[in-house]
Each structure stands twice: as C-alpha cells, then as structure tokens.
C-alpha atoms as a PDB file:
ATOM      1  CA  UNK A   1     -37.288 -98.444  -6.376  1.00  0.00           C
ATOM      2  CA  UNK A   2     -39.454-101.001  -5.065  1.00  0.00           C
ATOM      3  CA  UNK A   3     -42.491-100.445  -3.500  1.00  0.00           C
ATOM      4  CA  UNK A   4     -43.407-103.190  -1.253  1.00  0.00           C
ATOM      5  CA  UNK A   5     -47.464-104.266  -0.056  1.00  0.00           C
ATOM      6  CA  UNK A   6     -46.148-103.681   3.476  1.00  0.00           C
ATOM      7  CA  UNK A   7     -45.473 -99.698   1.882  1.00  0.00           C
ATOM      8  CA  UNK A   8     -48.905 -99.470  -0.025  1.00  0.00           C
ATOM      9  CA  UNK A   9     -51.230-100.524   2.748  1.00  0.00           C
ATOM     10  CA  UNK A  10     -49.593 -98.361   5.495  1.00  0.00           C
ATOM     11  CA  UNK A  11     -49.676 -95.474   3.254  1.00  0.00           C
ATOM     12  CA  UNK A  12     -53.404 -96.162   2.111  1.00  0.00           C
ATOM     13  CA  UNK A  13     -54.628 -97.021   6.298  1.00  0.00           C
ATOM     14  CA  UNK A  14     -53.264 -93.235   6.773  1.00  0.00           C
ATOM     15  CA  UNK A  15     -54.610 -91.608   3.669  1.00  0.00           C
ATOM     16  CA  UNK A  16     -57.425 -93.749   3.046  1.00  0.00           C
ATOM     17  CA  UNK A  17     -56.868 -93.780  -0.477  1.00  0.00           C
ATOM     18  CA  UNK A  18     -57.274 -96.885  -3.303  1.00  0.00           C
ATOM     19  CA  UNK A  19     -54.353 -99.222  -3.747  1.00  0.00           C
ATOM     20  CA  UNK A  20     -52.970 -98.106  -7.208  1.00  0.00           C
ATOM     21  CA  UNK A  21     -52.601 -94.096  -6.013  1.00  0.00           C
ATOM     22  CA  UNK A  22     -50.696 -95.247  -3.094  1.00  0.00           C
ATOM     23  CA  UNK A  23     -48.024 -96.730  -5.301  1.00  0.00           C
ATOM     24  CA  UNK A  24     -48.319 -94.035  -7.659  1.00  0.00           C
ATOM     25  CA  UNK A  25     -47.624 -92.139  -5.009  1.00  0.00           C
ATOM     26  CA  UNK A  26     -45.202 -93.888  -2.769  1.00  0.00           C
ATOM     27  CA  UNK A  27     -43.674 -94.510  -6.372  1.00  0.00           C
ATOM     28  CA  UNK A  28     -43.039 -90.708  -7.330  1.00  0.00           C
ATOM     29  CA  UNK A  29     -41.651 -90.178  -3.723  1.00  0.00           C
ATOM     30  CA  UNK A  30     -39.260 -92.468  -4.168  1.00  0.00           C
ATOM     31  CA  UNK A  31     -40.941 -94.294  -1.195  1.00  0.00           C
ATOM     32  CA  UNK A  32     -40.558 -91.643   0.974  1.00  0.00           C
ATOM     33  CA  UNK A  33     -43.851 -91.811   3.045  1.00  0.00           C
ATOM     34  CA  UNK A  34     -44.264 -88.330   4.235  1.00  0.00           C
ATOM     35  CA  UNK A  35     -43.789 -87.083   0.859  1.00  0.00           C
ATOM     36  CA  UNK A  36     -46.492 -89.224  -0.238  1.00  0.00           C
ATOM     37  CA  UNK A  37     -48.570 -88.850   1.785  1.00  0.00           C
ATOM     38  CA  UNK A  38     -48.116 -84.501   1.475  1.00  0.00           C
ATOM     39  CA  UNK A  39     -49.148 -85.642  -2.324  1.00  0.00           C
ATOM     40  CA  UNK A  40     -52.266 -87.865  -1.670  1.00  0.00           C
ATOM     41  CA  UNK A  41     -53.500 -84.860   0.237  1.00  0.00           C
ATOM     42  CA  UNK A  42     -52.993 -82.160  -1.899  1.00  0.00           C
ATOM     43  CA  UNK A  43     -54.678 -84.844  -4.959  1.00  0.00           C
ATOM     44  CA  UNK A  44     -57.063 -85.005  -2.425  1.00  0.00           C
ATOM     45  CA  UNK A  45     -58.094 -81.477  -1.950  1.00  0.00           C
ATOM     46  CA  UNK A  46     -57.754 -81.136  -4.967  1.00  0.00           C
ATOM     47  CA  UNK A  47     -60.601 -83.270  -6.353  1.00  0.00           C
ATOM     48  CA  UNK A  48     -62.979 -82.109  -3.240  1.00  0.00           C
ATOM     49  CA  UNK A  49     -63.127 -78.744  -4.916  1.00  0.00           C
ATOM     50  CA  UNK A  50     -63.379 -80.440  -8.441  1.00  0.00           C
ATOM     51  CA  UNK A  51     -66.553 -81.897  -6.991  1.00  0.00           C
ATOM     52  CA  UNK A  52     -67.837 -79.353  -4.693  1.00  0.00           C
ATOM     53  CA  UNK A  53     -70.445 -78.178  -7.454  1.00  0.00           C
ATOM     54  CA  UNK A  54     -72.641 -81.790  -7.606  1.00  0.00           C
ATOM     55  CA  UNK A  55     -75.921 -82.141  -6.449  1.00  0.00           C
ATOM     56  CA  UNK A  56     -75.558 -84.632  -2.967  1.00  0.00           C
ATOM     57  CA  UNK A  57     -79.150 -85.424  -2.081  1.00  0.00           C
ATOM     58  CA  UNK A  58     -78.778 -88.485  -0.839  1.00  0.00           C
ATOM     59  CA  UNK A  59     -76.609 -89.882   2.263  1.00  0.00           C
ATOM     60  CA  UNK A  60     -77.995 -90.387   5.654  1.00  0.00           C
ATOM     61  CA  UNK A  61     -79.445 -88.358   9.353  1.00  0.00           C
ATOM     62  CA  UNK A  62     -77.760 -89.726  12.044  1.00  0.00           C
ATOM     63  CA  UNK A  63     -79.268 -89.435  15.369  1.00  0.00           C
ATOM     64  CA  UNK A  64     -76.874 -89.358  18.462  1.00  0.00           C
ATOM     65  CA  UNK A  65     -77.940 -89.008  22.476  1.00  0.00           C
ATOM     66  CA  UNK A  66     -75.821 -88.400  25.224  1.00  0.00           C
ATOM     67  CA  UNK A  67     -74.810 -91.611  28.120  1.00  0.00           C
ATOM     68  CA  UNK A  68     -77.755 -89.550  30.495  1.00  0.00           C
ATOM     69  CA  UNK A  69     -80.284 -89.127  28.014  1.00  0.00           C
ATOM     70  CA  UNK A  70     -80.393 -84.847  28.356  1.00  0.00           C
ATOM     71  CA  UNK A  71     -78.123 -83.775  24.891  1.00  0.00           C
ATOM     72  CA  UNK A  72     -78.756 -85.706  21.996  1.00  0.00           C
ATOM     73  CA  UNK A  73     -77.523 -84.212  18.168  1.00  0.00           C
ATOM     74  CA  UNK A  74     -78.795 -84.537  14.681  1.00  0.00           C
ATOM     75  CA  UNK A  75     -77.148 -84.599  11.668  1.00  0.00           C
ATOM     76  CA  UNK A  76     -77.717 -84.627   7.835  1.00  0.00           C
ATOM     77  CA  UNK A  77     -74.543 -85.681   5.777  1.00  0.00           C
ATOM     78  CA  UNK A  78     -75.178 -85.928   1.976  1.00  0.00           C
ATOM     79  CA  UNK A  79     -73.932 -87.899  -0.840  1.00  0.00           C
ATOM     80  CA  UNK A  80     -74.301 -88.002  -4.726  1.00  0.00           C
ATOM     81  CA  UNK A  81     -76.026 -91.517  -4.515  1.00  0.00           C
ATOM     82  CA  UNK A  82     -77.342 -94.444  -1.793  1.00  0.00           C
ATOM     83  CA  UNK A  83     -74.671 -96.017  -2.602  1.00  0.00           C
ATOM     84  CA  UNK A  84     -72.488 -94.091  -1.406  1.00  0.00           C
ATOM     85  CA  UNK A  85     -74.407 -93.621   1.382  1.00  0.00           C
ATOM     86  CA  UNK A  86     -74.172 -97.654   2.139  1.00  0.00           C
ATOM     87  CA  UNK A  87     -70.582 -97.646   2.455  1.00  0.00           C
ATOM     88  CA  UNK A  88     -69.141 -98.529   6.091  1.00  0.00           C
ATOM     89  CA  UNK A  89     -66.685 -95.619   5.342  1.00  0.00           C
ATOM     90  CA  UNK A  90     -69.674 -93.140   4.804  1.00  0.00           C
ATOM     91  CA  UNK A  91     -71.587 -94.565   7.428  1.00  0.00           C
ATOM     92  CA  UNK A  92     -68.669 -93.880  10.175  1.00  0.00           C
ATOM     93  CA  UNK A  93     -67.848 -90.750   8.992  1.00  0.00           C
ATOM     94  CA  UNK A  94     -71.219 -89.985   9.344  1.00  0.00           C
ATOM     95  CA  UNK A  95     -71.855 -91.201  13.242  1.00  0.00           C
ATOM     96  CA  UNK A  96     -68.517 -89.528  13.859  1.00  0.00           C
ATOM     97  CA  UNK A  97     -69.487 -86.098  12.661  1.00  0.00           C
ATOM     98  CA  UNK A  98     -72.718 -86.440  15.203  1.00  0.00           C
ATOM     99  CA  UNK A  99     -70.872 -87.358  18.224  1.00  0.00           C
ATOM    100  CA  UNK A 100     -68.659 -84.362  17.900  1.00  0.00           C
ATOM    101  CA  UNK A 101     -71.528 -81.615  17.218  1.00  0.00           C
ATOM    102  CA  UNK A 102     -72.965 -84.147  20.650  1.00  0.00           C
ATOM    103  CA  UNK A 103     -69.684 -83.421  22.253  1.00  0.00           C
ATOM    104  CA  UNK A 104     -68.542 -80.065  21.185  1.00  0.00           C
ATOM    105  CA  UNK A 105     -71.772 -78.188  20.321  1.00  0.00           C
ATOM    106  CA  UNK A 106     -70.732 -75.896  17.963  1.00  0.00           C
ATOM    107  CA  UNK A 107     -71.827 -72.555  17.078  1.00  0.00           C
ATOM    108  CA  UNK A 108     -72.552 -73.205  13.371  1.00  0.00           C
ATOM    109  CA  UNK A 109     -70.994 -74.774  10.331  1.00  0.00           C
ATOM    110  CA  UNK A 110     -67.800 -74.006   9.878  1.00  0.00           C
ATOM    111  CA  UNK A 111     -67.620 -74.151  13.572  1.00  0.00           C
ATOM    112  CA  UNK A 112     -68.190 -77.568  13.159  1.00  0.00           C
ATOM    113  CA  UNK A 113     -65.935 -78.497   9.882  1.00  0.00           C
ATOM    114  CA  UNK A 114     -62.852 -77.152  11.939  1.00  0.00           C
ATOM    115  CA  UNK A 115     -62.961 -79.386  15.105  1.00  0.00           C
ATOM    116  CA  UNK A 116     -61.220 -82.639  15.094  1.00  0.00           C
ATOM    117  CA  UNK A 117     -62.907 -85.538  13.898  1.00  0.00           C
ATOM    118  CA  UNK A 118     -61.269 -87.551  16.338  1.00  0.00           C
ATOM    119  CA  UNK A 119     -58.012 -88.352  18.573  1.00  0.00           C
ATOM    120  CA  UNK A 120     -55.871 -87.759  16.003  1.00  0.00           C
ATOM    121  CA  UNK A 121     -56.476 -84.251  15.607  1.00  0.00           C
ATOM    122  CA  UNK A 122     -57.186 -84.387  11.187  1.00  0.00           C
ATOM    123  CA  UNK A 123     -60.862 -81.930  11.394  1.00  0.00           C
ATOM    124  CA  UNK A 124     -63.619 -82.507   9.996  1.00  0.00           C
ATOM    125  CA  UNK A 125     -63.527 -80.678   6.808  1.00  0.00           C
ATOM    126  CA  UNK A 126     -59.751 -82.862   5.835  1.00  0.00           C
ATOM    127  CA  UNK A 127     -61.325 -85.750   6.830  1.00  0.00           C
ATOM    128  CA  UNK A 128     -64.406 -84.890   4.127  1.00  0.00           C
ATOM    129  CA  UNK A 129     -62.354 -84.294   1.693  1.00  0.00           C
ATOM    130  CA  UNK A 130     -60.571 -87.130   1.773  1.00  0.00           C
ATOM    131  CA  UNK A 131     -63.697 -89.821   1.377  1.00  0.00           C
ATOM    132  CA  UNK A 132     -64.530 -87.855  -0.816  1.00  0.00           C
ATOM    133  CA  UNK A 133     -61.314 -88.950  -2.483  1.00  0.00           C
ATOM    134  CA  UNK A 134     -61.129 -92.100  -1.279  1.00  0.00           C
ATOM    135  CA  UNK A 135     -64.503 -92.891  -2.521  1.00  0.00           C
ATOM    136  CA  UNK A 136     -65.338 -90.572  -5.864  1.00  0.00           C
ATOM    137  CA  UNK A 137     -68.337 -88.495  -5.199  1.00  0.00           C
ATOM    138  CA  UNK A 138     -69.112 -85.599  -3.566  1.00  0.00           C
ATOM    139  CA  UNK A 139     -70.244 -85.238   0.457  1.00  0.00           C
ATOM    140  CA  UNK A 140     -71.219 -82.502   2.427  1.00  0.00           C
ATOM    141  CA  UNK A 141     -72.088 -82.240   5.722  1.00  0.00           C
ATOM    142  CA  UNK A 142     -75.643 -80.567   5.098  1.00  0.00           C
ATOM    143  CA  UNK A 143     -76.676 -79.246   8.891  1.00  0.00           C
ATOM    144  CA  UNK A 144     -77.214 -79.957  12.393  1.00  0.00           C
ATOM    145  CA  UNK A 145     -79.271 -79.194  15.201  1.00  0.00           C
ATOM    146  CA  UNK A 146     -78.260 -79.869  18.759  1.00  0.00           C
ATOM    147  CA  UNK A 147     -81.032 -80.028  21.966  1.00  0.00           C
ATOM    148  CA  UNK A 148     -80.030 -80.304  25.667  1.00  0.00           C
ATOM    149  CA  UNK A 149     -82.793 -80.507  27.933  1.00  0.00           C
ATOM    150  CA  UNK A 150     -82.773 -78.684  31.556  1.00  0.00           C
ATOM    151  CA  UNK A 151     -85.878 -79.969  33.047  1.00  0.00           C
ATOM    152  CA  UNK A 152     -87.813 -82.731  31.222  1.00  0.00           C
ATOM    153  CA  UNK A 153     -86.077 -85.473  29.073  1.00  0.00           C
ATOM    154  CA  UNK A 154     -85.267 -85.706  25.189  1.00  0.00           C
ATOM    155  CA  UNK A 155     -86.938 -88.684  22.882  1.00  0.00           C
ATOM    156  CA  UNK A 156     -85.781 -89.425  19.334  1.00  0.00           C
ATOM    157  CA  UNK A 157     -86.961 -90.495  16.253  1.00  0.00           C
ATOM    158  CA  UNK A 158     -85.572 -92.178  12.872  1.00  0.00           C
ATOM    159  CA  UNK A 159     -87.851 -93.296  10.767  1.00  0.00           C
ATOM    160  CA  UNK A 160     -84.648 -95.630   8.060  1.00  0.00           C
ATOM    161  CA  UNK A 161     -82.075 -93.021   7.567  1.00  0.00           C
ATOM    162  CA  UNK A 162     -84.326 -90.213   5.924  1.00  0.00           C
ATOM    163  CA  UNK A 163     -86.483 -88.863   8.379  1.00  0.00           C
ATOM    164  CA  UNK A 164     -84.762 -87.785  11.958  1.00  0.00           C
ATOM    165  CA  UNK A 165     -86.185 -86.121  15.005  1.00  0.00           C
ATOM    166  CA  UNK A 166     -85.153 -84.498  18.498  1.00  0.00           C
ATOM    167  CA  UNK A 167     -88.310 -83.529  20.595  1.00  0.00           C
ATOM    168  CA  UNK A 168     -87.701 -82.654  24.558  1.00  0.00           C
ATOM    169  CA  UNK A 169     -90.779 -82.247  26.344  1.00  0.00           C
ATOM    170  CA  UNK A 170     -91.255 -81.166  30.420  1.00  0.00           C
ATOM    171  CA  UNK A 171     -93.445 -84.601  31.495  1.00  0.00           C
ATOM    172  CA  UNK A 172     -94.863 -86.997  30.560  1.00  0.00           C
ATOM    173  CA  UNK A 173     -92.895 -90.598  30.076  1.00  0.00           C
ATOM    174  CA  UNK A 174     -90.418 -91.281  27.250  1.00  0.00           C
ATOM    175  CA  UNK A 175     -94.048 -93.683  25.969  1.00  0.00           C
ATOM    176  CA  UNK A 176     -95.090 -89.957  25.483  1.00  0.00           C
ATOM    177  CA  UNK A 177     -91.851 -88.325  24.101  1.00  0.00           C
ATOM    178  CA  UNK A 178     -91.683 -91.083  21.642  1.00  0.00           C
ATOM    179  CA  UNK A 179     -95.203 -91.128  20.622  1.00  0.00           C
ATOM    180  CA  UNK A 180     -94.900 -87.462  19.651  1.00  0.00           C
ATOM    181  CA  UNK A 181     -91.246 -87.646  17.889  1.00  0.00           C
ATOM    182  CA  UNK A 182     -93.245 -89.945  15.553  1.00  0.00           C
ATOM    183  CA  UNK A 183     -96.034 -87.964  15.065  1.00  0.00           C
ATOM    184  CA  UNK A 184     -93.238 -84.853  14.384  1.00  0.00           C
ATOM    185  CA  UNK A 185     -91.491 -87.404  11.547  1.00  0.00           C
ATOM    186  CA  UNK A 186     -94.723 -88.091   9.976  1.00  0.00           C
ATOM    187  CA  UNK A 187     -96.899 -84.279  10.163  1.00  0.00           C
ATOM    188  CA  UNK A 188     -93.960 -82.077   9.699  1.00  0.00           C
ATOM    189  CA  UNK A 189     -95.257 -79.566  12.142  1.00  0.00           C
ATOM    190  CA  UNK A 190     -93.439 -76.271  11.098  1.00  0.00           C
ATOM    191  CA  UNK A 191     -93.196 -75.328  15.281  1.00  0.00           C
ATOM    192  CA  UNK A 192     -95.034 -75.980  18.783  1.00  0.00           C
ATOM    193  CA  UNK A 193     -97.425 -73.547  18.485  1.00  0.00           C
ATOM    194  CA  UNK A 194     -98.900 -70.711  16.733  1.00  0.00           C
ATOM    195  CA  UNK A 195     -96.047 -68.436  18.823  1.00  0.00           C
ATOM    196  CA  UNK A 196     -93.863 -69.752  16.915  1.00  0.00           C
ATOM    197  CA  UNK A 197     -95.113 -69.019  13.591  1.00  0.00           C
ATOM    198  CA  UNK A 198     -93.690 -65.567  11.793  1.00  0.00           C
ATOM    199  CA  UNK A 199     -95.388 -62.661  11.147  1.00  0.00           C
ATOM    200  CA  UNK A 200     -94.561 -63.215   7.834  1.00  0.00           C
ATOM    201  CA  UNK A 201     -95.500 -66.318   6.978  1.00  0.00           C
ATOM    202  CA  UNK A 202     -98.809 -65.297   9.620  1.00  0.00           C
ATOM    203  CA  UNK A 203     -99.363 -62.210   7.118  1.00  0.00           C
ATOM    204  CA  UNK A 204     -98.958 -63.932   3.100  1.00  0.00           C
ATOM    205  CA  UNK A 205    -101.648 -66.639   4.093  1.00  0.00           C
ATOM    206  CA  UNK A 206    -103.567 -63.785   5.222  1.00  0.00           C
ATOM    207  CA  UNK A 207    -103.171 -61.998   2.213  1.00  0.00           C
ATOM    208  CA  UNK A 208    -103.852 -64.880  -0.010  1.00  0.00           C
ATOM    209  CA  UNK A 209    -107.116 -65.834   2.696  1.00  0.00           C
ATOM    210  CA  UNK A 210    -108.081 -62.547   2.580  1.00  0.00           C
ATOM    211  CA  UNK A 211    -108.243 -62.457  -1.601  1.00  0.00           C
ATOM    212  CA  UNK A 212    -110.223 -65.903  -1.482  1.00  0.00           C
ATOM    213  CA  UNK A 213    -112.927 -64.775   0.872  1.00  0.00           C
ATOM    214  CA  UNK A 214    -112.977 -61.304  -1.167  1.00  0.00           C
ATOM    215  CA  UNK A 215    -113.860 -62.264  -4.386  1.00  0.00           C
ATOM    216  CA  UNK A 216    -116.823 -64.520  -2.710  1.00  0.00           C
ATOM    217  CA  UNK A 217    -118.487 -61.531  -2.781  1.00  0.00           C
ATOM    218  CA  UNK A 218    -119.831 -61.928   0.907  1.00  0.00           C
ATOM    219  CA  UNK A 219    -120.197 -58.446   3.305  1.00  0.00           C
ATOM    220  CA  UNK A 220    -117.331 -57.162   5.122  1.00  0.00           C
ATOM    221  CA  UNK A 221    -118.232 -59.090   7.915  1.00  0.00           C
ATOM    222  CA  UNK A 222    -118.404 -62.372   6.928  1.00  0.00           C
ATOM    223  CA  UNK A 223    -115.349 -61.977   5.114  1.00  0.00           C
ATOM    224  CA  UNK A 224    -113.363 -61.194   8.416  1.00  0.00           C
ATOM    225  CA  UNK A 225    -114.803 -64.038   9.496  1.00  0.00           C
ATOM    226  CA  UNK A 226    -113.962 -67.076   6.870  1.00  0.00           C
ATOM    227  CA  UNK A 227    -110.758 -65.160   7.191  1.00  0.00           C
ATOM    228  CA  UNK A 228    -109.814 -65.854  10.854  1.00  0.00           C
ATOM    229  CA  UNK A 229    -111.535 -69.461  10.674  1.00  0.00           C
ATOM    230  CA  UNK A 230    -109.022 -70.308   7.345  1.00  0.00           C
ATOM    231  CA  UNK A 231    -106.288 -69.437   9.353  1.00  0.00           C
ATOM    232  CA  UNK A 232    -107.210 -70.375  12.995  1.00  0.00           C
ATOM    233  CA  UNK A 233    -107.585 -73.672  10.362  1.00  0.00           C
ATOM    234  CA  UNK A 234    -103.685 -73.185   8.899  1.00  0.00           C
ATOM    235  CA  UNK A 235    -102.361 -73.219  12.466  1.00  0.00           C
ATOM    236  CA  UNK A 236    -103.998 -76.134  13.373  1.00  0.00           C
ATOM    237  CA  UNK A 237    -102.477 -77.868  10.490  1.00  0.00           C
ATOM    238  CA  UNK A 238     -98.483 -76.743  10.243  1.00  0.00           C
ATOM    239  CA  UNK A 239     -98.071 -76.521  14.574  1.00  0.00           C
ATOM    240  CA  UNK A 240     -97.706 -79.787  16.299  1.00  0.00           C
ATOM    241  CA  UNK A 241     -99.878 -78.725  19.182  1.00  0.00           C
ATOM    242  CA  UNK A 242    -102.726 -77.805  17.076  1.00  0.00           C
ATOM    243  CA  UNK A 243    -102.065 -81.247  14.725  1.00  0.00           C
ATOM    244  CA  UNK A 244    -104.649 -84.113  15.056  1.00  0.00           C
ATOM    245  CA  UNK A 245    -102.232 -86.805  16.729  1.00  0.00           C
ATOM    246  CA  UNK A 246    -101.909 -89.217  14.562  1.00  0.00           C
ATOM    247  CA  UNK A 247    -102.472 -92.466  16.471  1.00  0.00           C
ATOM    248  CA  UNK A 248    -105.627 -90.904  17.811  1.00  0.00           C
ATOM    249  CA  UNK A 249    -106.911 -87.881  14.593  1.00  0.00           C
ATOM    250  CA  UNK A 250    -110.349 -87.565  17.810  1.00  0.00           C
ATOM    251  CA  UNK A 251    -107.016 -85.485  19.727  1.00  0.00           C
ATOM    252  CA  UNK A 252    -104.764 -82.654  19.342  1.00  0.00           C
ATOM    253  CA  UNK A 253    -101.027 -83.235  20.036  1.00  0.00           C
ATOM    254  CA  UNK A 254    -101.694 -80.522  22.722  1.00  0.00           C
ATOM    255  CA  UNK A 255    -104.629 -82.318  24.129  1.00  0.00           C
ATOM    256  CA  UNK A 256    -102.501 -85.512  24.321  1.00  0.00           C
ATOM    257  CA  UNK A 257     -99.731 -83.121  26.197  1.00  0.00           C
ATOM    258  CA  UNK A 258    -102.264 -81.752  28.517  1.00  0.00           C
ATOM    259  CA  UNK A 259    -104.288 -84.773  29.596  1.00  0.00           C
ATOM    260  CA  UNK A 260    -100.605 -86.633  30.306  1.00  0.00           C
ATOM    261  CA  UNK A 261     -99.674 -83.530  32.353  1.00  0.00           C
ATOM    262  CA  UNK A 262     -96.630 -82.503  30.112  1.00  0.00           C
ATOM    263  CA  UNK A 263     -95.413 -79.438  27.933  1.00  0.00           C
ATOM    264  CA  UNK A 264     -93.523 -79.743  23.966  1.00  0.00           C
ATOM    265  CA  UNK A 265     -90.775 -77.160  24.952  1.00  0.00           C
ATOM    266  CA  UNK A 266     -89.615 -77.950  20.631  1.00  0.00           C
ATOM    267  CA  UNK A 267     -88.228 -79.886  18.550  1.00  0.00           C
ATOM    268  CA  UNK A 268     -85.941 -80.383  15.571  1.00  0.00           C
ATOM    269  CA  UNK A 269     -86.642 -82.633  12.500  1.00  0.00           C
ATOM    270  CA  UNK A 270     -84.241 -82.943   9.198  1.00  0.00           C
ATOM    271  CA  UNK A 271     -85.755 -85.098   6.291  1.00  0.00           C
ATOM    272  CA  UNK A 272     -82.685 -86.355   4.137  1.00  0.00           C
ATOM    273  CA  UNK A 273     -82.440 -83.771   0.660  1.00  0.00           C
ATOM    274  CA  UNK A 274     -85.137 -81.406   2.062  1.00  0.00           C
ATOM    275  CA  UNK A 275     -85.030 -78.176  -0.335  1.00  0.00           C
ATOM    276  CA  UNK A 276     -82.168 -79.712  -2.611  1.00  0.00           C
ATOM    277  CA  UNK A 277     -82.476 -79.069  -6.430  1.00  0.00           C
ATOM    278  CA  UNK A 278     -82.085 -82.225  -7.643  1.00  0.00           C
ATOM    279  CA  UNK A 279     -81.052 -82.751 -11.330  1.00  0.00           C
ATOM    280  CA  UNK A 280     -82.352 -85.281 -13.513  1.00  0.00           C
ATOM    281  CA  UNK A 281     -79.805 -86.809 -15.878  1.00  0.00           C
ATOM    282  CA  UNK A 282     -80.310 -89.555 -18.920  1.00  0.00           C
ATOM    283  CA  UNK A 283     -78.361 -92.726 -17.035  1.00  0.00           C
ATOM    284  CA  UNK A 284     -76.150 -93.215 -19.402  1.00  0.00           C
ATOM    285  CA  UNK A 285     -74.987 -89.446 -19.707  1.00  0.00           C
ATOM    286  CA  UNK A 286     -74.981 -89.456 -16.170  1.00  0.00           C
ATOM    287  CA  UNK A 287     -72.572 -92.345 -15.945  1.00  0.00           C
ATOM    288  CA  UNK A 288     -69.831 -90.683 -18.389  1.00  0.00           C
ATOM    289  CA  UNK A 289     -70.151 -87.237 -16.394  1.00  0.00           C
ATOM    290  CA  UNK A 290     -68.876 -89.016 -13.733  1.00  0.00           C
ATOM    291  CA  UNK A 291     -66.301 -90.906 -15.284  1.00  0.00           C
ATOM    292  CA  UNK A 292     -64.738 -88.392 -16.965  1.00  0.00           C
ATOM    293  CA  UNK A 293     -64.912 -86.106 -14.031  1.00  0.00           C
ATOM    294  CA  UNK A 294     -63.208 -88.303 -12.020  1.00  0.00           C
END
C-alpha cells in the first residue's frame, strides 16, 4: 500500500526516528501505525544496546532550581561529541531529566531512569534509548545531585555547560552565595571542612608526608612538626573553608563567611566528563568506526 507523507510525519513525531526509517517501518507494517511504532521502538532499543559501550564524555551539565529557590538539582548528561550536545533535542532531554530530579527527588540512578520523563508516561530510560536511535550516538545520564534548603538558601552557578555548582548557605545574602558558588567552580574543593575529609585520604597523605619528612634526616620531633604542617596545608588546599577566596586571596573562604555571619552547609560540583577515560583515535578511523556501527 502507498504510505502518505502525513503517516510518516505522525510516526516521526511519535518515535523521533528519521524519515526514511519511518517510511520503511510503515511499509513493512502495511501502514499500521501501532505496528510500525513498535518495530521502531524495538529497533531503537537494539541500537541503544549496540552503542552502549562507546565512550560518552561530552554533553551538558544542567541545573534546575525551584520557584521558591529552596530546592535545586544538577545533572550530567553525556554524548559522544559536543556537536550532538548542541542539538536542541539533546538539550531538551537533559533539561527534562534535571526537571524530573528536581520534582521527584529519586533515591538513585535506577530510580531516576524508571521515572516518567513527561506526562506521556514514557520513562527516562526509554526516552534515552529513543534519543540514541534518533541521533546515532551513545547518550548517558551519568550522575545527579539534589539539594533542599531547610533553613538557609541555595545558589547555583554554571560555567558554560561544562561545570555546575550548587551551594547551600545559612546566613549571608544572594551575592555572597553566588560568589562562593563561583569559587567552588574555579577551585574544586573536596568538602566543606576538615570534618568532611575521609580518614582513608588523611592516612594516605600522612604516610606520604611522613616518608618525605623522614628522608630529610631531621630528628623525630622535627619530622612530626613537618608532617603536621604539611597536613594543615593539604587540608587548606582541598577544603572550601580553608581555600583562599578567588576574588580576594588574602582571606580564606572561611573568614569571608564568618565576616558575613554565614555558614556553609554543603555543596555539589559536577564537571563534564570528569573521570571518564577518553579513547583517542585517528579521526579517519573514528569516522569509519561510526559509519560501520550505525
């Protein structure tokens, strides 16, 4: 039977697949819309599984804040290339995922992927796989965080699309909170203060510093002071309150907050592709690999 342009358009809107794929599916299904949609859905899931092993380290960091400013969510959604990250459908998906995190406060990634992404009831995972089928690249929802301020306020900061920060303060004002968020983006603190540093990390650094100090040949009491001093410096480098404030390095963030009568409750910082091992390939080989796997 003849397949009309209107049928192809309807199927494209329902599935997000390409025009030729939709026409082929309708032809094979003798024009039955439901059968064609189901066939494309199965095909899309298969494509998503096939692309799952490909490295996705580009993409977007997205922040969503509630209307009252008391809840905020930050999400990292990855693609294989920054070209895809600039596509409207990818950006809409990333924002929808962040909105779902904000509204539903999922406990973990599995819970998030099982949530409906919109009013249609389609889950985040199904939407992700359909987007892979439509775009042709591996796409991952890698991680997320959500904050809810009970007493203080929240501030967010996005450095382009690659670094995002949420920070919760008690006291101070919006300008101070944004300054602190920008500082976190630039200086990458590990935690708020020394209490947040894991014992494992402290013990590891102390072991290294002790070995270095002992090699100096100085008396044990001097070695002990050297180790203590280096640990204090280390904690100052990795804790938010101990770091020199980026806008005024003569004072620490801790002193800045104290002068404003403010306290840092916590923060979240996501950097795009952080910790993802990127595979380097010859460009021509990479293009050929993508053509062969599509």
